[in-house]
PDB file of N, CA and C in Angstrom:
ATOM      1  N   UNK A   1     -26.785  26.657  32.210  1.00  0.00           N
ATOM      2  CA  UNK A   1     -27.374  25.568  33.010  1.00  0.00           C
ATOM      3  C   UNK A   1     -26.097  24.400  33.280  1.00  0.00           C
ATOM      4  N   UNK A   2     -25.794  24.176  34.357  1.00  0.00           N
ATOM      5  CA  UNK A   2     -24.654  23.297  34.584  1.00  0.00           C
ATOM      6  C   UNK A   2     -25.329  22.094  34.509  1.00  0.00           C
ATOM      7  N   UNK A   3     -24.153  20.935  34.322  1.00  0.00           N
ATOM      8  CA  UNK A   3     -24.431  19.444  34.108  1.00  0.00           C
ATOM      9  C   UNK A   3     -25.532  19.254  35.649  1.00  0.00           C
ATOM     10  N   UNK A   4     -24.835  19.509  36.670  1.00  0.00           N
ATOM     11  CA  UNK A   4     -25.533  19.146  37.744  1.00  0.00           C
ATOM     12  C   UNK A   4     -27.242  19.485  37.874  1.00  0.00           C
ATOM     13  N   UNK A   5     -27.503  20.939  37.472  1.00  0.00           N
ATOM     14  CA  UNK A   5     -28.838  21.239  37.380  1.00  0.00           C
ATOM     15  C   UNK A   5     -29.667  20.158  36.349  1.00  0.00           C
ATOM     16  N   UNK A   6     -29.042  20.315  34.848  1.00  0.00           N
ATOM     17  CA  UNK A   6     -29.903  19.653  34.012  1.00  0.00           C
ATOM     18  C   UNK A   6     -30.244  18.078  34.380  1.00  0.00           C
ATOM     19  N   UNK A   7     -29.280  17.318  35.160  1.00  0.00           N
ATOM     20  CA  UNK A   7     -29.389  16.232  36.076  1.00  0.00           C
ATOM     21  C   UNK A   7     -30.512  16.072  36.633  1.00  0.00           C
ATOM     22  N   UNK A   8     -30.473  17.370  37.510  1.00  0.00           N
ATOM     23  CA  UNK A   8     -31.856  17.292  38.713  1.00  0.00           C
ATOM     24  C   UNK A   8     -33.124  17.425  37.761  1.00  0.00           C
ATOM     25  N   UNK A   9     -33.145  18.705  36.756  1.00  0.00           N
ATOM     26  CA  UNK A   9     -34.028  18.746  35.913  1.00  0.00           C
ATOM     27  C   UNK A   9     -34.789  17.467  35.542  1.00  0.00           C
ATOM     28  N   UNK A  10     -34.155  16.415  35.060  1.00  0.00           N
ATOM     29  CA  UNK A  10     -34.491  15.144  34.540  1.00  0.00           C
ATOM     30  C   UNK A  10     -34.805  14.537  35.538  1.00  0.00           C
ATOM     31  N   UNK A  11     -34.359  14.350  36.739  1.00  0.00           N
ATOM     32  CA  UNK A  11     -35.081  13.877  37.769  1.00  0.00           C
ATOM     33  C   UNK A  11     -36.336  14.167  38.391  1.00  0.00           C
ATOM     34  N   UNK A  12     -36.312  15.626  37.952  1.00  0.00           N
ATOM     35  CA  UNK A  12     -37.485  15.942  38.743  1.00  0.00           C
ATOM     36  C   UNK A  12     -38.730  15.605  37.680  1.00  0.00           C
ATOM     37  N   UNK A  13     -38.487  15.677  36.481  1.00  0.00           N
ATOM     38  CA  UNK A  13     -39.752  15.281  35.499  1.00  0.00           C
ATOM     39  C   UNK A  13     -39.807  13.787  35.706  1.00  0.00           C
ATOM     40  N   UNK A  14     -38.899  12.945  35.556  1.00  0.00           N
ATOM     41  CA  UNK A  14     -38.993  11.553  35.653  1.00  0.00           C
ATOM     42  C   UNK A  14     -39.908  11.288  37.131  1.00  0.00           C
ATOM     43  N   UNK A  15     -39.831  11.599  37.973  1.00  0.00           N
ATOM     44  CA  UNK A  15     -40.339  11.560  39.203  1.00  0.00           C
ATOM     45  C   UNK A  15     -41.804  11.977  39.127  1.00  0.00           C
ATOM     46  N   UNK A  16     -42.241  12.731  38.432  1.00  0.00           N
ATOM     47  CA  UNK A  16     -43.466  13.886  38.379  1.00  0.00           C
ATOM     48  C   UNK A  16     -44.487  12.776  37.358  1.00  0.00           C
ATOM     49  N   UNK A  17     -43.648  11.978  36.284  1.00  0.00           N
ATOM     50  CA  UNK A  17     -44.690  11.014  35.459  1.00  0.00           C
ATOM     51  C   UNK A  17     -45.133  10.054  36.163  1.00  0.00           C
ATOM     52  N   UNK A  18     -45.926   9.342  35.463  1.00  0.00           N
ATOM     53  CA  UNK A  18     -47.036   8.180  35.870  1.00  0.00           C
ATOM     54  C   UNK A  18     -45.950   7.084  35.170  1.00  0.00           C
ATOM     55  N   UNK A  19     -46.133   6.033  35.943  1.00  0.00           N
ATOM     56  CA  UNK A  19     -45.427   4.993  35.839  1.00  0.00           C
ATOM     57  C   UNK A  19     -46.194   4.026  34.620  1.00  0.00           C
ATOM     58  N   UNK A  20     -45.671   3.533  33.790  1.00  0.00           N
ATOM     59  CA  UNK A  20     -46.328   2.626  32.877  1.00  0.00           C
ATOM     60  C   UNK A  20     -46.357   1.034  33.458  1.00  0.00           C
ATOM     61  N   UNK A  21     -47.689   0.651  33.143  1.00  0.00           N
ATOM     62  CA  UNK A  21     -47.747  -0.717  33.714  1.00  0.00           C
ATOM     63  C   UNK A  21     -46.598  -1.430  33.198  1.00  0.00           C
ATOM     64  N   UNK A  22     -46.054  -2.399  34.137  1.00  0.00           N
ATOM     65  CA  UNK A  22     -44.843  -3.151  33.669  1.00  0.00           C
ATOM     66  C   UNK A  22     -43.491  -2.851  33.394  1.00  0.00           C
ATOM     67  N   UNK A  23     -43.415  -1.326  33.374  1.00  0.00           N
ATOM     68  CA  UNK A  23     -42.339  -0.649  33.059  1.00  0.00           C
ATOM     69  C   UNK A  23     -40.980  -1.206  33.862  1.00  0.00           C
ATOM     70  N   UNK A  24     -41.219  -1.506  35.082  1.00  0.00           N
ATOM     71  CA  UNK A  24     -39.557  -1.980  35.982  1.00  0.00           C
ATOM     72  C   UNK A  24     -39.360  -3.202  35.554  1.00  0.00           C
ATOM     73  N   UNK A  25     -40.407  -3.954  34.994  1.00  0.00           N
ATOM     74  CA  UNK A  25     -40.061  -5.471  34.790  1.00  0.00           C
ATOM     75  C   UNK A  25     -39.364  -5.364  33.401  1.00  0.00           C
ATOM     76  N   UNK A  26     -39.830  -4.325  32.533  1.00  0.00           N
ATOM     77  CA  UNK A  26     -39.015  -4.429  31.321  1.00  0.00           C
ATOM     78  C   UNK A  26     -37.586  -4.068  31.509  1.00  0.00           C
ATOM     79  N   UNK A  27     -37.385  -2.844  32.301  1.00  0.00           N
ATOM     80  CA  UNK A  27     -36.279  -2.438  32.383  1.00  0.00           C
ATOM     81  C   UNK A  27     -35.105  -3.453  33.366  1.00  0.00           C
ATOM     82  N   UNK A  28     -35.788  -3.994  34.010  1.00  0.00           N
ATOM     83  CA  UNK A  28     -35.334  -5.433  35.018  1.00  0.00           C
ATOM     84  C   UNK A  28     -34.527  -6.285  33.954  1.00  0.00           C
ATOM     85  N   UNK A  29     -35.525  -6.846  32.926  1.00  0.00           N
ATOM     86  CA  UNK A  29     -34.989  -7.446  31.764  1.00  0.00           C
ATOM     87  C   UNK A  29     -33.863  -7.118  30.863  1.00  0.00           C
ATOM     88  N   UNK A  30     -34.054  -5.831  30.523  1.00  0.00           N
ATOM     89  CA  UNK A  30     -33.162  -5.066  29.718  1.00  0.00           C
ATOM     90  C   UNK A  30     -31.777  -5.623  30.607  1.00  0.00           C
ATOM     91  N   UNK A  31     -31.760  -5.103  31.894  1.00  0.00           N
ATOM     92  CA  UNK A  31     -30.551  -4.971  32.654  1.00  0.00           C
ATOM     93  C   UNK A  31     -29.858  -6.363  32.676  1.00  0.00           C
ATOM     94  N   UNK A  32     -31.154  -7.365  32.826  1.00  0.00           N
ATOM     95  CA  UNK A  32     -30.367  -8.921  33.036  1.00  0.00           C
ATOM     96  C   UNK A  32     -29.667  -9.296  31.873  1.00  0.00           C
ATOM     97  N   UNK A  33     -30.329  -8.681  30.537  1.00  0.00           N
ATOM     98  CA  UNK A  33     -29.833  -9.363  29.295  1.00  0.00           C
ATOM     99  C   UNK A  33     -28.584  -8.580  28.948  1.00  0.00           C
ATOM    100  N   UNK A  34     -28.253  -7.264  29.433  1.00  0.00           N
ATOM    101  CA  UNK A  34     -27.046  -6.777  29.236  1.00  0.00           C
ATOM    102  C   UNK A  34     -25.893  -7.446  29.944  1.00  0.00           C
ATOM    103  N   UNK A  35     -26.140  -8.028  31.444  1.00  0.00           N
ATOM    104  CA  UNK A  35     -25.124  -8.610  32.108  1.00  0.00           C
ATOM    105  C   UNK A  35     -24.810  -9.779  31.707  1.00  0.00           C
ATOM    106  N   UNK A  36     -25.823 -10.308  30.695  1.00  0.00           N
ATOM    107  CA  UNK A  36     -25.604 -11.601  30.199  1.00  0.00           C
ATOM    108  C   UNK A  36     -24.565 -11.833  29.106  1.00  0.00           C
ATOM    109  N   UNK A  37     -25.007 -10.396  28.309  1.00  0.00           N
ATOM    110  CA  UNK A  37     -24.103 -10.256  27.251  1.00  0.00           C
ATOM    111  C   UNK A  37     -22.513  -9.922  27.587  1.00  0.00           C
ATOM    112  N   UNK A  38     -22.614  -9.015  28.868  1.00  0.00           N
ATOM    113  CA  UNK A  38     -21.196  -8.666  29.191  1.00  0.00           C
ATOM    114  C   UNK A  38     -20.527  -9.870  29.675  1.00  0.00           C
ATOM    115  N   UNK A  39     -21.290 -10.915  30.052  1.00  0.00           N
ATOM    116  CA  UNK A  39     -20.470 -12.052  30.292  1.00  0.00           C
ATOM    117  C   UNK A  39     -19.710 -12.753  29.369  1.00  0.00           C
ATOM    118  N   UNK A  40     -20.527 -12.861  27.927  1.00  0.00           N
ATOM    119  CA  UNK A  40     -20.172 -13.551  26.775  1.00  0.00           C
ATOM    120  C   UNK A  40     -19.364 -12.624  26.055  1.00  0.00           C
ATOM    121  N   UNK A  41     -19.278 -11.365  26.352  1.00  0.00           N
ATOM    122  CA  UNK A  41     -18.542 -10.615  25.568  1.00  0.00           C
ATOM    123  C   UNK A  41     -16.544 -11.137  25.571  1.00  0.00           C
ATOM    124  N   UNK A  42     -15.976 -11.192  24.413  1.00  0.00           N
ATOM    125  CA  UNK A  42     -14.671 -11.134  24.212  1.00  0.00           C
ATOM    126  C   UNK A  42     -13.789  -9.847  24.805  1.00  0.00           C
ATOM    127  N   UNK A  43     -14.355  -8.628  24.530  1.00  0.00           N
ATOM    128  CA  UNK A  43     -13.769  -7.527  24.435  1.00  0.00           C
ATOM    129  C   UNK A  43     -14.181  -6.841  26.051  1.00  0.00           C
ATOM    130  N   UNK A  44     -12.929  -6.538  26.678  1.00  0.00           N
ATOM    131  CA  UNK A  44     -12.858  -6.201  28.176  1.00  0.00           C
ATOM    132  C   UNK A  44     -13.742  -4.986  28.247  1.00  0.00           C
ATOM    133  N   UNK A  45     -13.633  -3.993  27.223  1.00  0.00           N
ATOM    134  CA  UNK A  45     -14.479  -2.569  26.895  1.00  0.00           C
ATOM    135  C   UNK A  45     -15.579  -3.087  27.114  1.00  0.00           C
ATOM    136  N   UNK A  46     -15.974  -3.821  26.012  1.00  0.00           N
ATOM    137  CA  UNK A  46     -17.587  -4.297  26.053  1.00  0.00           C
ATOM    138  C   UNK A  46     -18.073  -4.873  27.335  1.00  0.00           C
ATOM    139  N   UNK A  47     -17.394  -5.799  28.081  1.00  0.00           N
ATOM    140  CA  UNK A  47     -17.633  -6.284  29.380  1.00  0.00           C
ATOM    141  C   UNK A  47     -18.231  -5.002  30.298  1.00  0.00           C
ATOM    142  N   UNK A  48     -17.097  -4.301  30.321  1.00  0.00           N
ATOM    143  CA  UNK A  48     -17.270  -3.075  31.250  1.00  0.00           C
ATOM    144  C   UNK A  48     -18.339  -2.209  31.140  1.00  0.00           C
ATOM    145  N   UNK A  49     -18.425  -1.729  29.785  1.00  0.00           N
ATOM    146  CA  UNK A  49     -19.785  -0.973  29.500  1.00  0.00           C
ATOM    147  C   UNK A  49     -21.068  -1.848  29.373  1.00  0.00           C
ATOM    148  N   UNK A  50     -21.428  -2.854  29.054  1.00  0.00           N
ATOM    149  CA  UNK A  50     -22.810  -3.794  29.103  1.00  0.00           C
ATOM    150  C   UNK A  50     -22.754  -3.996  30.643  1.00  0.00           C
ATOM    151  N   UNK A  51     -21.769  -4.298  31.315  1.00  0.00           N
ATOM    152  CA  UNK A  51     -21.913  -4.604  32.858  1.00  0.00           C
ATOM    153  C   UNK A  51     -22.333  -3.294  33.655  1.00  0.00           C
ATOM    154  N   UNK A  52     -21.719  -2.302  33.430  1.00  0.00           N
ATOM    155  CA  UNK A  52     -22.149  -0.737  33.789  1.00  0.00           C
ATOM    156  C   UNK A  52     -23.794  -0.691  33.322  1.00  0.00           C
ATOM    157  N   UNK A  53     -24.102  -0.447  32.280  1.00  0.00           N
ATOM    158  CA  UNK A  53     -25.414  -0.041  31.961  1.00  0.00           C
ATOM    159  C   UNK A  53     -26.115  -1.390  32.161  1.00  0.00           C
ATOM    160  N   UNK A  54     -26.178  -2.594  32.479  1.00  0.00           N
ATOM    161  CA  UNK A  54     -26.920  -3.557  33.033  1.00  0.00           C
ATOM    162  C   UNK A  54     -27.302  -3.233  34.679  1.00  0.00           C
ATOM    163  N   UNK A  55     -26.267  -3.148  35.085  1.00  0.00           N
ATOM    164  CA  UNK A  55     -26.268  -2.638  36.673  1.00  0.00           C
ATOM    165  C   UNK A  55     -27.084  -1.471  36.788  1.00  0.00           C
ATOM    166  N   UNK A  56     -26.591  -0.851  35.842  1.00  0.00           N
ATOM    167  CA  UNK A  56     -27.605   0.936  36.234  1.00  0.00           C
ATOM    168  C   UNK A  56     -28.984   0.281  36.062  1.00  0.00           C
ATOM    169  N   UNK A  57     -29.397  -0.243  35.289  1.00  0.00           N
ATOM    170  CA  UNK A  57     -31.030  -0.731  34.508  1.00  0.00           C
ATOM    171  C   UNK A  57     -31.575  -1.330  35.723  1.00  0.00           C
ATOM    172  N   UNK A  58     -30.730  -2.657  36.470  1.00  0.00           N
ATOM    173  CA  UNK A  58     -31.189  -3.160  37.219  1.00  0.00           C
ATOM    174  C   UNK A  58     -31.329  -2.288  38.564  1.00  0.00           C
ATOM    175  N   UNK A  59     -30.897  -1.425  38.938  1.00  0.00           N
ATOM    176  CA  UNK A  59     -30.866  -0.418  40.157  1.00  0.00           C
ATOM    177  C   UNK A  59     -32.045   0.546  39.951  1.00  0.00           C
ATOM    178  N   UNK A  60     -32.073   0.843  38.480  1.00  0.00           N
ATOM    179  CA  UNK A  60     -33.275   1.620  38.267  1.00  0.00           C
ATOM    180  C   UNK A  60     -34.830   0.834  38.715  1.00  0.00           C
ATOM    181  N   UNK A  61     -34.757  -0.327  38.105  1.00  0.00           N
ATOM    182  CA  UNK A  61     -35.705  -0.809  38.013  1.00  0.00           C
ATOM    183  C   UNK A  61     -36.267  -1.115  39.824  1.00  0.00           C
ATOM    184  N   UNK A  62     -35.295  -1.296  40.479  1.00  0.00           N
ATOM    185  CA  UNK A  62     -35.214  -1.475  42.274  1.00  0.00           C
ATOM    186  C   UNK A  62     -35.707  -0.241  42.691  1.00  0.00           C
ATOM    187  N   UNK A  63     -35.249   0.670  42.045  1.00  0.00           N
ATOM    188  CA  UNK A  63     -35.374   2.191  43.038  1.00  0.00           C
ATOM    189  C   UNK A  63     -36.529   2.933  42.607  1.00  0.00           C
ATOM    190  N   UNK A  64     -36.989   2.616  41.306  1.00  0.00           N
ATOM    191  CA  UNK A  64     -38.111   3.752  40.807  1.00  0.00           C
ATOM    192  C   UNK A  64     -39.505   3.662  41.697  1.00  0.00           C
ATOM    193  N   UNK A  65     -40.199   4.418  41.575  1.00  0.00           N
ATOM    194  CA  UNK A  65     -41.536   4.858  42.356  1.00  0.00           C
ATOM    195  C   UNK A  65     -42.483   3.784  42.020  1.00  0.00           C
ATOM    196  N   UNK A  66     -42.245   3.132  41.365  1.00  0.00           N
ATOM    197  CA  UNK A  66     -43.538   1.984  40.934  1.00  0.00           C
ATOM    198  C   UNK A  66     -42.809   0.425  41.138  1.00  0.00           C
ATOM    199  N   UNK A  67     -41.194   0.427  41.659  1.00  0.00           N
ATOM    200  CA  UNK A  67     -40.846  -0.710  41.560  1.00  0.00           C
ATOM    201  C   UNK A  67     -40.707  -1.622  43.107  1.00  0.00           C
ATOM    202  N   UNK A  68     -39.496  -2.033  43.124  1.00  0.00           N
ATOM    203  CA  UNK A  68     -39.343  -3.025  44.668  1.00  0.00           C
ATOM    204  C   UNK A  68     -39.339  -1.735  45.568  1.00  0.00           C
ATOM    205  N   UNK A  69     -39.139  -0.872  45.448  1.00  0.00           N
ATOM    206  CA  UNK A  69     -39.101   0.277  46.643  1.00  0.00           C
ATOM    207  C   UNK A  69     -40.436   0.535  47.343  1.00  0.00           C
ATOM    208  N   UNK A  70     -41.319   0.881  46.350  1.00  0.00           N
ATOM    209  CA  UNK A  70     -42.815   0.835  46.505  1.00  0.00           C
ATOM    210  C   UNK A  70     -43.201  -0.387  47.376  1.00  0.00           C
ATOM    211  N   UNK A  71     -42.819  -1.305  46.641  1.00  0.00           N
ATOM    212  CA  UNK A  71     -43.173  -2.740  47.487  1.00  0.00           C
ATOM    213  C   UNK A  71     -42.540  -2.786  49.257  1.00  0.00           C
ATOM    214  N   UNK A  72     -41.121  -2.600  49.202  1.00  0.00           N
ATOM    215  CA  UNK A  72     -40.770  -2.452  50.611  1.00  0.00           C
ATOM    216  C   UNK A  72     -41.326  -1.524  51.581  1.00  0.00           C
ATOM    217  N   UNK A  73     -41.812  -0.364  50.995  1.00  0.00           N
ATOM    218  CA  UNK A  73     -42.307   0.491  52.077  1.00  0.00           C
ATOM    219  C   UNK A  73     -43.782  -0.173  52.392  1.00  0.00           C
ATOM    220  N   UNK A  74     -44.501  -0.905  51.135  1.00  0.00           N
ATOM    221  CA  UNK A  74     -45.770  -1.619  51.556  1.00  0.00           C
ATOM    222  C   UNK A  74     -45.655  -2.433  52.785  1.00  0.00           C
ATOM    223  N   UNK A  75     -44.445  -3.208  52.725  1.00  0.00           N
ATOM    224  CA  UNK A  75     -44.471  -4.471  53.481  1.00  0.00           C
ATOM    225  C   UNK A  75     -44.038  -3.534  54.843  1.00  0.00           C
ATOM    226  N   UNK A  76     -43.047  -2.761  54.890  1.00  0.00           N
ATOM    227  CA  UNK A  76     -43.014  -2.187  56.143  1.00  0.00           C
ATOM    228  C   UNK A  76     -44.191  -1.568  57.014  1.00  0.00           C
ATOM    229  N   UNK A  77     -45.040  -0.944  56.159  1.00  0.00           N
ATOM    230  CA  UNK A  77     -46.225  -0.346  56.491  1.00  0.00           C
ATOM    231  C   UNK A  77     -47.259  -1.639  57.510  1.00  0.00           C
ATOM    232  N   UNK A  78     -47.187  -2.942  56.292  1.00  0.00           N
ATOM    233  CA  UNK A  78     -47.930  -4.291  56.998  1.00  0.00           C
ATOM    234  C   UNK A  78     -47.024  -4.555  58.483  1.00  0.00           C
ATOM    235  N   UNK A  79     -45.898  -4.544  58.596  1.00  0.00           N
ATOM    236  CA  UNK A  79     -45.052  -5.073  59.467  1.00  0.00           C
ATOM    237  C   UNK A  79     -45.433  -4.526  60.752  1.00  0.00           C
ATOM    238  N   UNK A  80     -45.256  -2.931  60.429  1.00  0.00           N
ATOM    239  CA  UNK A  80     -45.466  -1.953  61.518  1.00  0.00           C
ATOM    240  C   UNK A  80     -46.655  -2.025  62.009  1.00  0.00           C
ATOM    241  N   UNK A  81     -48.141  -2.221  61.196  1.00  0.00           N
ATOM    242  CA  UNK A  81     -49.128  -1.812  61.430  1.00  0.00           C
ATOM    243  C   UNK A  81     -49.639  -2.833  62.378  1.00  0.00           C
ATOM    244  N   UNK A  82     -49.291  -4.249  62.230  1.00  0.00           N
ATOM    245  CA  UNK A  82     -49.767  -5.793  63.078  1.00  0.00           C
ATOM    246  C   UNK A  82     -48.643  -5.751  64.233  1.00  0.00           C
ATOM    247  N   UNK A  83     -47.818  -5.159  64.387  1.00  0.00           N
ATOM    248  CA  UNK A  83     -47.063  -5.372  65.580  1.00  0.00           C
ATOM    249  C   UNK A  83     -45.776  -6.399  64.990  1.00  0.00           C
ATOM    250  N   UNK A  84     -45.465  -7.088  66.208  1.00  0.00           N
ATOM    251  CA  UNK A  84     -44.038  -7.962  65.380  1.00  0.00           C
ATOM    252  C   UNK A  84     -44.457  -9.098  64.693  1.00  0.00           C
ATOM    253  N   UNK A  85     -43.563  -9.330  63.635  1.00  0.00           N
ATOM    254  CA  UNK A  85     -43.710 -10.523  62.846  1.00  0.00           C
ATOM    255  C   UNK A  85     -43.178 -11.623  63.402  1.00  0.00           C
ATOM    256  N   UNK A  86     -43.998 -12.805  63.735  1.00  0.00           N
ATOM    257  CA  UNK A  86     -43.655 -14.198  64.323  1.00  0.00           C
ATOM    258  C   UNK A  86     -42.419 -14.825  63.752  1.00  0.00           C
ATOM    259  N   UNK A  87     -41.499 -15.231  64.593  1.00  0.00           N
ATOM    260  CA  UNK A  87     -40.349 -15.967  63.749  1.00  0.00           C
ATOM    261  C   UNK A  87     -40.898 -17.200  63.509  1.00  0.00           C
ATOM    262  N   UNK A  88     -40.066 -17.801  62.803  1.00  0.00           N
ATOM    263  CA  UNK A  88     -40.325 -19.563  62.236  1.00  0.00           C
ATOM    264  C   UNK A  88     -39.158 -20.097  62.982  1.00  0.00           C
TER     265      UNK A  88
END
């Protein structure tokens, strides 16, 4: 088994499972906390590691099946169904 096939298998399992209520908010909060910790750290390596992990968690919260991606698809459906959205 290669690393790529293992990662693809994990992605497939993750896509098939049901979302927990509030899961994406928890992941978003953890990402924000890691970014705050990265800003306070004195160690350069700790800043890089915490910043990368925080950014990854925020990206995960935004791109998950129950997160912002689903909200964006819903908004596109509403926008497309009713015609043009009036400008203010």
